[in-house]
Amino acid sequence: MAKTTEPTIIKKYANRRLYNTGTSTYVTLEDLAVMVKGEEDFVVYDAKTGDDITRSVLTQIIFEQEGKGQNLLPVTFLRQLIRFYGDSMQGLVPSFLEYSMTSLTQEQEKIRAQMSEAFGATAFDAIEDQVKRNTEMFERAMKMFMPFPTGEGGATQADKPQRGGKEDSSELDAMKKQLSDMQEKINALSDKS
């Protein structure tokens, strides 16, 4: 059966049952997870109100996967993500995460091949390269969202206080420190090999 460009419509009823209009069958969250893994696009609507609830259903799938012990999201990441809600950086986070995941998806085959070649330095080099690319991409994204261009004195906009003052700068400094610490740990692990 050929894939269509239109997403499959899933309706969620008050009794929490999910109905796949494409197959005319009831489905579970596990079935939807299989659809996601099979790259089958779908949209979930509340059957009563017609509201698009796809985001909350996908979040529920992640919650269930995490509950099964398949932990992909580190606690520190979740805490940092929560901190971004209501923050001036909130608008940047979705596009940054989407770009990062797209990059990781595109690079995953290359990383898998490198890791299967050897579990020594090659694997750590692949991880280190990915961390460097993500750091560079994050820095480019941050520069894109700066309200003013770089000043004459060589100081970047990130060095100057912004609307949030010291808090925004300290958050960025903290993120840079975390990335630096991670880089040092990767280098140390690589040196042990």
N, C-alpha and C. Protein backbone atom coordinates (compact mmCIF):
# COMPACT_ATOMS: atom_id res chain seq x y z
N MET A 1 0.84 -1.17 0.00
CA MET A 1 0.00 0.00 0.00
C MET A 1 0.89 1.24 0.00
N ALA A 2 0.66 2.15 -0.93
CA ALA A 2 1.49 3.35 -1.05
C ALA A 2 1.16 4.33 0.06
N LYS A 3 2.22 5.00 0.54
CA LYS A 3 2.01 6.00 1.59
C LYS A 3 1.42 7.26 0.98
N THR A 4 0.46 7.82 1.67
CA THR A 4 -0.13 9.07 1.19
C THR A 4 0.57 10.23 1.88
N THR A 5 0.39 11.41 1.29
CA THR A 5 1.00 12.59 1.90
C THR A 5 0.13 13.14 3.02
N GLU A 6 -1.11 12.73 3.04
CA GLU A 6 -2.02 13.20 4.08
C GLU A 6 -1.83 12.36 5.35
N PRO A 7 -1.76 13.01 6.52
CA PRO A 7 -1.63 12.23 7.76
C PRO A 7 -2.91 11.47 8.07
N THR A 8 -2.73 10.33 8.71
CA THR A 8 -3.87 9.54 9.16
C THR A 8 -4.55 10.29 10.30
N ILE A 9 -5.86 10.26 10.33
CA ILE A 9 -6.60 10.95 11.39
C ILE A 9 -6.98 9.94 12.46
N ILE A 10 -6.60 10.28 13.68
CA ILE A 10 -6.93 9.48 14.85
C ILE A 10 -7.89 10.31 15.69
N LYS A 11 -8.96 9.71 16.13
CA LYS A 11 -9.91 10.43 16.98
C LYS A 11 -9.84 9.83 18.39
N LYS A 12 -9.79 10.72 19.37
CA LYS A 12 -9.77 10.27 20.76
C LYS A 12 -11.13 10.58 21.38
N TYR A 13 -11.74 9.55 21.90
CA TYR A 13 -13.08 9.69 22.49
C TYR A 13 -13.00 9.90 24.00
N ALA A 14 -14.10 10.29 24.58
CA ALA A 14 -14.16 10.59 26.01
C ALA A 14 -13.75 9.39 26.87
N ASN A 15 -14.01 8.20 26.37
CA ASN A 15 -13.64 6.99 27.12
C ASN A 15 -12.16 6.65 26.94
N ARG A 16 -11.39 7.59 26.39
CA ARG A 16 -9.93 7.48 26.17
C ARG A 16 -9.56 6.51 25.06
N ARG A 17 -10.53 6.03 24.32
CA ARG A 17 -10.21 5.13 23.22
C ARG A 17 -9.80 5.94 22.01
N LEU A 18 -8.85 5.40 21.28
CA LEU A 18 -8.33 6.05 20.08
C LEU A 18 -8.82 5.28 18.85
N TYR A 19 -9.36 6.02 17.87
CA TYR A 19 -9.93 5.39 16.69
C TYR A 19 -9.17 5.84 15.45
N ASN A 20 -8.58 4.89 14.74
CA ASN A 20 -7.84 5.18 13.51
C ASN A 20 -8.84 5.20 12.35
N THR A 21 -9.07 6.39 11.79
CA THR A 21 -10.05 6.50 10.70
C THR A 21 -9.54 5.89 9.41
N GLY A 22 -8.22 5.72 9.28
CA GLY A 22 -7.65 5.12 8.08
C GLY A 22 -7.91 3.63 7.98
N THR A 23 -7.86 2.96 9.13
CA THR A 23 -8.08 1.50 9.15
C THR A 23 -9.44 1.13 9.74
N SER A 24 -10.17 2.12 10.24
CA SER A 24 -11.47 1.91 10.89
C SER A 24 -11.37 0.92 12.04
N THR A 25 -10.31 1.11 12.86
CA THR A 25 -10.11 0.25 14.02
C THR A 25 -9.70 1.09 15.22
N TYR A 26 -9.94 0.53 16.39
CA TYR A 26 -9.44 1.17 17.60
C TYR A 26 -7.97 0.81 17.76
N VAL A 27 -7.19 1.77 18.24
CA VAL A 27 -5.75 1.55 18.41
C VAL A 27 -5.35 1.95 19.81
N THR A 28 -4.16 1.54 20.19
CA THR A 28 -3.62 1.89 21.50
C THR A 28 -2.45 2.87 21.31
N LEU A 29 -1.96 3.38 22.42
CA LEU A 29 -0.77 4.24 22.36
C LEU A 29 0.41 3.45 21.80
N GLU A 30 0.48 2.18 22.12
CA GLU A 30 1.55 1.33 21.59
C GLU A 30 1.46 1.24 20.06
N ASP A 31 0.24 1.13 19.54
CA ASP A 31 0.04 1.11 18.08
C ASP A 31 0.52 2.43 17.46
N LEU A 32 0.21 3.54 18.13
CA LEU A 32 0.66 4.85 17.63
C LEU A 32 2.18 4.95 17.67
N ALA A 33 2.81 4.38 18.70
CA ALA A 33 4.27 4.38 18.78
C ALA A 33 4.86 3.60 17.60
N VAL A 34 4.24 2.49 17.25
CA VAL A 34 4.68 1.71 16.09
C VAL A 34 4.53 2.53 14.81
N MET A 35 3.44 3.29 14.70
CA MET A 35 3.24 4.14 13.53
C MET A 35 4.33 5.20 13.44
N VAL A 36 4.70 5.78 14.58
CA VAL A 36 5.75 6.79 14.60
C VAL A 36 7.07 6.17 14.14
N LYS A 37 7.39 5.00 14.69
CA LYS A 37 8.64 4.32 14.32
C LYS A 37 8.64 3.94 12.85
N GLY A 38 7.47 3.66 12.29
CA GLY A 38 7.35 3.34 10.87
C GLY A 38 7.23 4.58 10.00
N GLU A 39 7.42 5.74 10.62
CA GLU A 39 7.36 7.04 9.93
C GLU A 39 6.01 7.30 9.27
N GLU A 40 4.96 6.76 9.87
CA GLU A 40 3.61 7.03 9.38
C GLU A 40 3.07 8.25 10.12
N ASP A 41 2.74 9.27 9.38
CA ASP A 41 2.28 10.52 9.97
C ASP A 41 0.81 10.42 10.36
N PHE A 42 0.49 10.97 11.53
CA PHE A 42 -0.90 11.00 11.97
C PHE A 42 -1.16 12.26 12.79
N VAL A 43 -2.43 12.60 12.87
CA VAL A 43 -2.89 13.73 13.68
C VAL A 43 -4.00 13.19 14.58
N VAL A 44 -3.98 13.61 15.84
CA VAL A 44 -4.99 13.14 16.79
C VAL A 44 -5.91 14.31 17.13
N TYR A 45 -7.21 14.07 16.97
CA TYR A 45 -8.21 15.08 17.28
C TYR A 45 -9.10 14.58 18.41
N ASP A 46 -9.50 15.49 19.28
CA ASP A 46 -10.50 15.19 20.30
C ASP A 46 -11.82 15.02 19.55
N ALA A 47 -12.46 13.87 19.70
CA ALA A 47 -13.68 13.57 18.94
C ALA A 47 -14.81 14.53 19.27
N LYS A 48 -14.86 15.02 20.49
CA LYS A 48 -15.97 15.89 20.89
C LYS A 48 -15.73 17.34 20.46
N THR A 49 -14.55 17.87 20.74
CA THR A 49 -14.29 19.30 20.47
C THR A 49 -13.64 19.55 19.11
N GLY A 50 -13.01 18.53 18.55
CA GLY A 50 -12.30 18.70 17.28
C GLY A 50 -10.92 19.32 17.44
N ASP A 51 -10.47 19.54 18.70
CA ASP A 51 -9.15 20.13 18.96
C ASP A 51 -8.05 19.16 18.57
N ASP A 52 -6.98 19.72 18.04
CA ASP A 52 -5.79 18.92 17.71
C ASP A 52 -5.04 18.64 19.01
N ILE A 53 -4.97 17.38 19.41
CA ILE A 53 -4.31 16.99 20.66
C ILE A 53 -3.11 16.08 20.38
N THR A 54 -2.55 16.18 19.18
CA THR A 54 -1.43 15.34 18.78
C THR A 54 -0.25 15.47 19.74
N ARG A 55 0.10 16.72 20.08
CA ARG A 55 1.24 16.96 20.96
C ARG A 55 1.08 16.24 22.30
N SER A 56 -0.10 16.34 22.90
CA SER A 56 -0.28 15.70 24.21
C SER A 56 -0.28 14.18 24.10
N VAL A 57 -0.78 13.63 23.00
CA VAL A 57 -0.76 12.18 22.82
C VAL A 57 0.67 11.69 22.61
N LEU A 58 1.46 12.42 21.80
CA LEU A 58 2.86 12.03 21.60
C LEU A 58 3.63 12.12 22.92
N THR A 59 3.34 13.15 23.71
CA THR A 59 3.97 13.28 25.02
C THR A 59 3.59 12.11 25.92
N GLN A 60 2.34 11.69 25.82
CA GLN A 60 1.88 10.54 26.61
C GLN A 60 2.61 9.26 26.20
N ILE A 61 2.87 9.11 24.89
CA ILE A 61 3.62 7.95 24.41
C ILE A 61 5.03 7.96 25.00
N ILE A 62 5.67 9.13 25.00
CA ILE A 62 7.01 9.26 25.58
C ILE A 62 6.97 8.92 27.06
N PHE A 63 5.97 9.43 27.76
CA PHE A 63 5.81 9.17 29.20
C PHE A 63 5.71 7.67 29.46
N GLU A 64 4.92 6.97 28.64
CA GLU A 64 4.78 5.52 28.83
C GLU A 64 6.08 4.78 28.53
N GLN A 65 6.80 5.20 27.49
CA GLN A 65 8.07 4.56 27.17
C GLN A 65 9.07 4.77 28.31
N GLU A 66 9.12 5.99 28.84
CA GLU A 66 10.01 6.29 29.96
C GLU A 66 9.62 5.45 31.18
N GLY A 67 8.32 5.25 31.39
CA GLY A 67 7.83 4.46 32.51
C GLY A 67 8.20 2.99 32.41
N LYS A 68 8.45 2.52 31.20
CA LYS A 68 8.84 1.12 30.99
C LYS A 68 10.33 0.91 31.22
N GLY A 69 11.02 1.97 31.60
CA GLY A 69 12.45 1.85 31.85
C GLY A 69 13.30 2.14 30.63
N GLN A 70 12.69 2.56 29.54
CA GLN A 70 13.43 2.92 28.33
C GLN A 70 13.74 4.41 28.39
N ASN A 71 14.65 4.77 29.28
CA ASN A 71 14.92 6.18 29.55
C ASN A 71 15.84 6.80 28.51
N LEU A 72 15.28 7.71 27.74
CA LEU A 72 16.04 8.49 26.77
C LEU A 72 16.33 9.89 27.29
N LEU A 73 15.48 10.38 28.15
CA LEU A 73 15.57 11.76 28.60
C LEU A 73 16.19 11.84 29.99
N PRO A 74 17.44 12.32 30.06
CA PRO A 74 18.09 12.44 31.37
C PRO A 74 17.34 13.44 32.26
N VAL A 75 17.40 13.22 33.55
CA VAL A 75 16.71 14.08 34.51
C VAL A 75 17.19 15.52 34.38
N THR A 76 18.50 15.71 34.18
CA THR A 76 19.01 17.09 34.04
C THR A 76 18.42 17.76 32.80
N PHE A 77 18.25 17.03 31.72
CA PHE A 77 17.65 17.57 30.51
C PHE A 77 16.20 17.98 30.78
N LEU A 78 15.45 17.10 31.45
CA LEU A 78 14.05 17.42 31.76
C LEU A 78 13.95 18.66 32.62
N ARG A 79 14.83 18.78 33.62
CA ARG A 79 14.80 19.98 34.47
C ARG A 79 15.13 21.24 33.67
N GLN A 80 16.14 21.14 32.81
CA GLN A 80 16.50 22.30 32.00
C GLN A 80 15.35 22.67 31.06
N LEU A 81 14.71 21.67 30.50
CA LEU A 81 13.58 21.92 29.60
C LEU A 81 12.46 22.64 30.33
N ILE A 82 12.15 22.20 31.54
CA ILE A 82 11.10 22.84 32.34
C ILE A 82 11.47 24.29 32.63
N ARG A 83 12.75 24.54 32.89
CA ARG A 83 13.19 25.92 33.17
C ARG A 83 12.96 26.86 32.00
N PHE A 84 12.95 26.33 30.79
CA PHE A 84 12.77 27.18 29.61
C PHE A 84 11.33 27.66 29.45
N TYR A 85 10.36 26.97 30.07
CA TYR A 85 8.97 27.41 29.97
C TYR A 85 8.83 28.78 30.61
N GLY A 86 8.29 29.73 29.85
CA GLY A 86 8.10 31.09 30.36
C GLY A 86 9.35 31.94 30.31
N ASP A 87 10.48 31.37 29.89
CA ASP A 87 11.75 32.09 29.80
C ASP A 87 11.82 32.81 28.46
N SER A 88 12.68 33.80 28.37
CA SER A 88 12.83 34.55 27.13
C SER A 88 13.36 33.65 26.00
N MET A 89 13.99 32.55 26.34
CA MET A 89 14.55 31.62 25.36
C MET A 89 13.52 30.58 24.88
N GLN A 90 12.32 30.61 25.44
CA GLN A 90 11.31 29.59 25.14
C GLN A 90 11.06 29.46 23.64
N GLY A 91 11.03 30.56 22.93
CA GLY A 91 10.76 30.51 21.49
C GLY A 91 11.86 29.84 20.70
N LEU A 92 13.09 29.86 21.19
CA LEU A 92 14.22 29.26 20.51
C LEU A 92 14.30 27.75 20.72
N VAL A 93 13.85 27.27 21.85
CA VAL A 93 14.03 25.87 22.23
C VAL A 93 13.40 24.89 21.24
N PRO A 94 12.14 25.05 20.82
CA PRO A 94 11.58 24.05 19.90
C PRO A 94 12.36 23.92 18.59
N SER A 95 12.74 25.05 17.99
CA SER A 95 13.48 24.96 16.72
C SER A 95 14.87 24.37 16.94
N PHE A 96 15.50 24.70 18.07
CA PHE A 96 16.82 24.13 18.37
C PHE A 96 16.73 22.62 18.56
N LEU A 97 15.75 22.17 19.34
CA LEU A 97 15.59 20.74 19.57
C LEU A 97 15.24 20.00 18.28
N GLU A 98 14.37 20.60 17.48
CA GLU A 98 13.99 19.97 16.21
C GLU A 98 15.20 19.86 15.29
N TYR A 99 15.99 20.92 15.20
CA TYR A 99 17.19 20.90 14.36
C TYR A 99 18.20 19.87 14.88
N SER A 100 18.37 19.81 16.19
CA SER A 100 19.31 18.85 16.79
C SER A 100 18.88 17.42 16.50
N MET A 101 17.60 17.13 16.65
CA MET A 101 17.10 15.78 16.40
C MET A 101 17.21 15.43 14.93
N THR A 102 16.95 16.39 14.04
CA THR A 102 17.09 16.15 12.61
C THR A 102 18.55 15.83 12.28
N SER A 103 19.47 16.60 12.85
CA SER A 103 20.90 16.36 12.63
C SER A 103 21.30 14.98 13.14
N LEU A 104 20.84 14.63 14.34
CA LEU A 104 21.16 13.33 14.91
C LEU A 104 20.60 12.20 14.04
N THR A 105 19.38 12.37 13.56
CA THR A 105 18.75 11.36 12.71
C THR A 105 19.55 11.18 11.42
N GLN A 106 19.99 12.29 10.83
CA GLN A 106 20.77 12.21 9.60
C GLN A 106 22.14 11.58 9.83
N GLU A 107 22.70 11.77 11.00
CA GLU A 107 24.03 11.27 11.30
C GLU A 107 24.03 9.88 11.96
N GLN A 108 22.86 9.36 12.32
CA GLN A 108 22.82 8.14 13.12
C GLN A 108 23.45 6.95 12.42
N GLU A 109 23.27 6.80 11.13
CA GLU A 109 23.86 5.66 10.44
C GLU A 109 25.38 5.73 10.47
N LYS A 110 25.92 6.93 10.26
CA LYS A 110 27.36 7.11 10.29
C LYS A 110 27.90 6.82 11.70
N ILE A 111 27.20 7.31 12.71
CA ILE A 111 27.62 7.07 14.10
C ILE A 111 27.56 5.58 14.42
N ARG A 112 26.49 4.91 14.01
CA ARG A 112 26.36 3.47 14.26
C ARG A 112 27.50 2.70 13.59
N ALA A 113 27.83 3.07 12.36
CA ALA A 113 28.90 2.38 11.65
C ALA A 113 30.23 2.57 12.37
N GLN A 114 30.48 3.79 12.82
CA GLN A 114 31.73 4.06 13.53
C GLN A 114 31.78 3.30 14.85
N MET A 115 30.67 3.24 15.56
CA MET A 115 30.65 2.55 16.85
C MET A 115 30.77 1.05 16.68
N SER A 116 30.25 0.51 15.59
CA SER A 116 30.35 -0.93 15.37
C SER A 116 31.76 -1.32 14.92
N GLU A 117 32.48 -0.39 14.29
CA GLU A 117 33.87 -0.67 13.90
C GLU A 117 34.73 -0.98 15.12
N ALA A 118 34.60 -0.11 16.10
CA ALA A 118 35.40 -0.32 17.32
C ALA A 118 34.73 0.40 18.48
N PHE A 119 34.84 -0.19 19.63
CA PHE A 119 34.27 0.43 20.82
C PHE A 119 35.27 1.34 21.50
N GLY A 120 36.46 1.47 20.95
CA GLY A 120 37.51 2.30 21.55
C GLY A 120 37.36 3.75 21.18
N ALA A 121 38.46 4.33 20.78
CA ALA A 121 38.55 5.76 20.50
C ALA A 121 37.63 6.19 19.36
N THR A 122 37.40 5.32 18.39
CA THR A 122 36.55 5.68 17.26
C THR A 122 35.15 6.05 17.71
N ALA A 123 34.59 5.27 18.62
CA ALA A 123 33.25 5.56 19.12
C ALA A 123 33.23 6.89 19.86
N PHE A 124 34.24 7.11 20.69
CA PHE A 124 34.29 8.37 21.42
C PHE A 124 34.53 9.55 20.49
N ASP A 125 35.31 9.34 19.43
CA ASP A 125 35.53 10.40 18.45
C ASP A 125 34.22 10.78 17.78
N ALA A 126 33.40 9.77 17.47
CA ALA A 126 32.10 10.04 16.84
C ALA A 126 31.21 10.85 17.77
N ILE A 127 31.18 10.47 19.03
CA ILE A 127 30.37 11.21 20.01
C ILE A 127 30.91 12.62 20.17
N GLU A 128 32.23 12.73 20.26
CA GLU A 128 32.87 14.04 20.42
C GLU A 128 32.56 14.94 19.22
N ASP A 129 32.64 14.38 18.00
CA ASP A 129 32.33 15.17 16.80
C ASP A 129 30.89 15.66 16.83
N GLN A 130 29.97 14.78 17.25
CA GLN A 130 28.56 15.16 17.31
C GLN A 130 28.34 16.25 18.34
N VAL A 131 29.00 16.15 19.50
CA VAL A 131 28.87 17.18 20.53
C VAL A 131 29.40 18.51 20.00
N LYS A 132 30.54 18.47 19.31
CA LYS A 132 31.10 19.70 18.74
C LYS A 132 30.15 20.32 17.73
N ARG A 133 29.57 19.49 16.85
CA ARG A 133 28.63 20.02 15.85
C ARG A 133 27.41 20.62 16.53
N ASN A 134 26.89 19.94 17.54
CA ASN A 134 25.72 20.48 18.25
C ASN A 134 26.05 21.79 18.95
N THR A 135 27.26 21.88 19.54
CA THR A 135 27.67 23.11 20.21
C THR A 135 27.78 24.25 19.21
N GLU A 136 28.43 23.98 18.07
CA GLU A 136 28.56 25.01 17.04
C GLU A 136 27.19 25.45 16.53
N MET A 137 26.30 24.48 16.32
CA MET A 137 24.96 24.81 15.84
C MET A 137 24.20 25.65 16.86
N PHE A 138 24.36 25.32 18.14
CA PHE A 138 23.69 26.08 19.18
C PHE A 138 24.23 27.51 19.22
N GLU A 139 25.54 27.66 19.10
CA GLU A 139 26.13 29.00 19.10
C GLU A 139 25.64 29.81 17.90
N ARG A 140 25.55 29.17 16.72
CA ARG A 140 25.03 29.88 15.54
C ARG A 140 23.57 30.28 15.77
N ALA A 141 22.79 29.38 16.36
CA ALA A 141 21.38 29.69 16.63
C ALA A 141 21.27 30.85 17.62
N MET A 142 22.13 30.86 18.63
CA MET A 142 22.09 31.94 19.61
C MET A 142 22.42 33.27 18.93
N LYS A 143 23.41 33.28 18.04
CA LYS A 143 23.77 34.51 17.34
C LYS A 143 22.63 34.98 16.46
N MET A 144 21.89 34.04 15.87
CA MET A 144 20.77 34.39 15.01
C MET A 144 19.67 35.11 15.78
N PHE A 145 19.50 34.77 17.03
CA PHE A 145 18.42 35.33 17.82
C PHE A 145 18.84 36.53 18.65
N MET A 146 20.08 37.00 18.49
CA MET A 146 20.53 38.19 19.19
C MET A 146 19.83 39.40 18.57
N PRO A 147 19.29 40.33 19.37
CA PRO A 147 18.55 41.45 18.81
C PRO A 147 19.43 42.47 18.10
N PHE A 148 20.73 42.53 18.40
CA PHE A 148 21.61 43.51 17.79
C PHE A 148 22.87 42.82 17.29
N PRO A 149 23.48 43.36 16.22
CA PRO A 149 24.72 42.75 15.72
C PRO A 149 25.87 42.99 16.68
N THR A 150 27.00 42.33 16.39
CA THR A 150 28.20 42.46 17.21
C THR A 150 28.69 43.90 17.20
N GLY A 151 29.15 44.38 18.36
CA GLY A 151 29.62 45.76 18.48
C GLY A 151 31.03 45.94 17.96
N GLU A 152 31.50 47.20 17.88
CA GLU A 152 32.81 47.54 17.37
C GLU A 152 33.92 47.00 18.24
N GLY A 153 33.74 47.00 19.54
CA GLY A 153 34.79 46.66 20.47
C GLY A 153 35.10 45.17 20.53
N GLY A 154 34.49 44.36 19.67
CA GLY A 154 34.77 42.94 19.64
C GLY A 154 33.90 42.14 20.60
N ALA A 155 33.15 42.81 21.46
CA ALA A 155 32.27 42.10 22.40
C ALA A 155 31.03 41.68 21.65
N THR A 156 30.63 40.46 21.84
CA THR A 156 29.40 39.99 21.19
C THR A 156 28.22 40.43 22.03
N GLN A 157 27.05 40.29 21.43
CA GLN A 157 25.83 40.66 22.14
C GLN A 157 25.64 39.78 23.37
N ALA A 158 26.16 38.53 23.31
CA ALA A 158 26.03 37.63 24.46
C ALA A 158 26.83 38.13 25.65
N ASP A 159 27.89 38.94 25.38
CA ASP A 159 28.70 39.47 26.47
C ASP A 159 28.02 40.66 27.16
N LYS A 160 27.06 41.29 26.49
CA LYS A 160 26.40 42.48 27.03
C LYS A 160 25.11 42.08 27.73
N PRO A 161 24.74 42.79 28.79
CA PRO A 161 23.47 42.47 29.45
C PRO A 161 22.32 42.72 28.50
N GLN A 162 21.34 41.81 28.55
CA GLN A 162 20.15 41.98 27.73
C GLN A 162 18.97 42.27 28.65
N ARG A 163 17.78 42.16 28.08
CA ARG A 163 16.59 42.48 28.86
C ARG A 163 16.55 41.73 30.18
N GLY A 164 16.97 40.46 30.17
CA GLY A 164 16.94 39.67 31.38
C GLY A 164 18.12 39.95 32.29
N GLY A 165 19.06 40.75 31.84
CA GLY A 165 20.21 41.11 32.67
C GLY A 165 21.12 39.94 32.91
N LYS A 166 21.61 39.85 34.13
CA LYS A 166 22.60 38.84 34.49
C LYS A 166 22.04 37.43 34.40
N GLU A 167 20.72 37.26 34.58
CA GLU A 167 20.14 35.93 34.57
C GLU A 167 20.33 35.25 33.21
N ASP A 168 20.02 35.97 32.09
CA ASP A 168 20.18 35.39 30.76
C ASP A 168 21.64 35.04 30.51
N SER A 169 22.54 35.94 30.88
CA SER A 169 23.96 35.72 30.67
C SER A 169 24.45 34.55 31.51
N SER A 170 24.00 34.47 32.75
CA SER A 170 24.45 33.38 33.62
C SER A 170 23.91 32.03 33.14
N GLU A 171 22.70 32.00 32.59
CA GLU A 171 22.16 30.75 32.05
C GLU A 171 23.00 30.29 30.86
N LEU A 172 23.35 31.22 29.99
CA LEU A 172 24.18 30.88 28.84
C LEU A 172 25.56 30.42 29.30
N ASP A 173 26.13 31.11 30.28
CA ASP A 173 27.43 30.72 30.82
C ASP A 173 27.36 29.33 31.44
N ALA A 174 26.28 29.04 32.13
CA ALA A 174 26.10 27.73 32.76
C ALA A 174 26.02 26.64 31.68
N MET A 175 25.30 26.92 30.59
CA MET A 175 25.19 25.96 29.51
C MET A 175 26.56 25.74 28.85
N LYS A 176 27.31 26.82 28.66
CA LYS A 176 28.65 26.69 28.07
C LYS A 176 29.55 25.86 28.98
N LYS A 177 29.44 26.07 30.30
CA LYS A 177 30.25 25.32 31.26
C LYS A 177 29.89 23.84 31.21
N GLN A 178 28.58 23.55 31.14
CA GLN A 178 28.14 22.15 31.06
C GLN A 178 28.69 21.48 29.81
N LEU A 179 28.63 22.18 28.67
CA LEU A 179 29.16 21.63 27.44
C LEU A 179 30.67 21.41 27.55
N SER A 180 31.36 22.34 28.16
CA SER A 180 32.79 22.22 28.36
C SER A 180 33.12 21.03 29.26
N ASP A 181 32.36 20.87 30.34
CA ASP A 181 32.57 19.74 31.25
C ASP A 181 32.34 18.41 30.53
N MET A 182 31.29 18.36 29.70
CA MET A 182 31.00 17.15 28.94
C MET A 182 32.16 16.84 27.99
N GLN A 183 32.68 17.88 27.35
CA GLN A 183 33.79 17.70 26.42
C GLN A 183 35.01 17.14 27.14
N GLU A 184 35.30 17.66 28.34
CA GLU A 184 36.43 17.16 29.12
C GLU A 184 36.24 15.70 29.50
N LYS A 185 35.02 15.32 29.87
CA LYS A 185 34.73 13.93 30.24
C LYS A 185 34.92 13.01 29.03
N ILE A 186 34.46 13.44 27.87
CA ILE A 186 34.61 12.64 26.66
C ILE A 186 36.09 12.50 26.33
N ASN A 187 36.85 13.59 26.44
CA ASN A 187 38.29 13.53 26.17
C ASN A 187 38.98 12.58 27.14
N ALA A 188 38.59 12.63 28.42
CA ALA A 188 39.19 11.75 29.42
C ALA A 188 38.88 10.29 29.09
N LEU A 189 37.64 10.00 28.72
CA LEU A 189 37.28 8.64 28.36
C LEU A 189 38.04 8.19 27.10
N SER A 190 38.21 9.09 26.17
CA SER A 190 38.92 8.78 24.94
C SER A 190 40.40 8.50 25.22
N ASP A 191 40.97 9.25 26.14
CA ASP A 191 42.38 9.06 26.51
C ASP A 191 42.62 7.72 27.17
N LYS A 192 41.63 7.19 27.90
CA LYS A 192 41.75 5.91 28.61
C LYS A 192 41.79 4.73 27.63
N SER A 193 41.24 4.92 26.45
CA SER A 193 41.16 3.82 25.47
C SER A 193 42.51 3.46 24.91
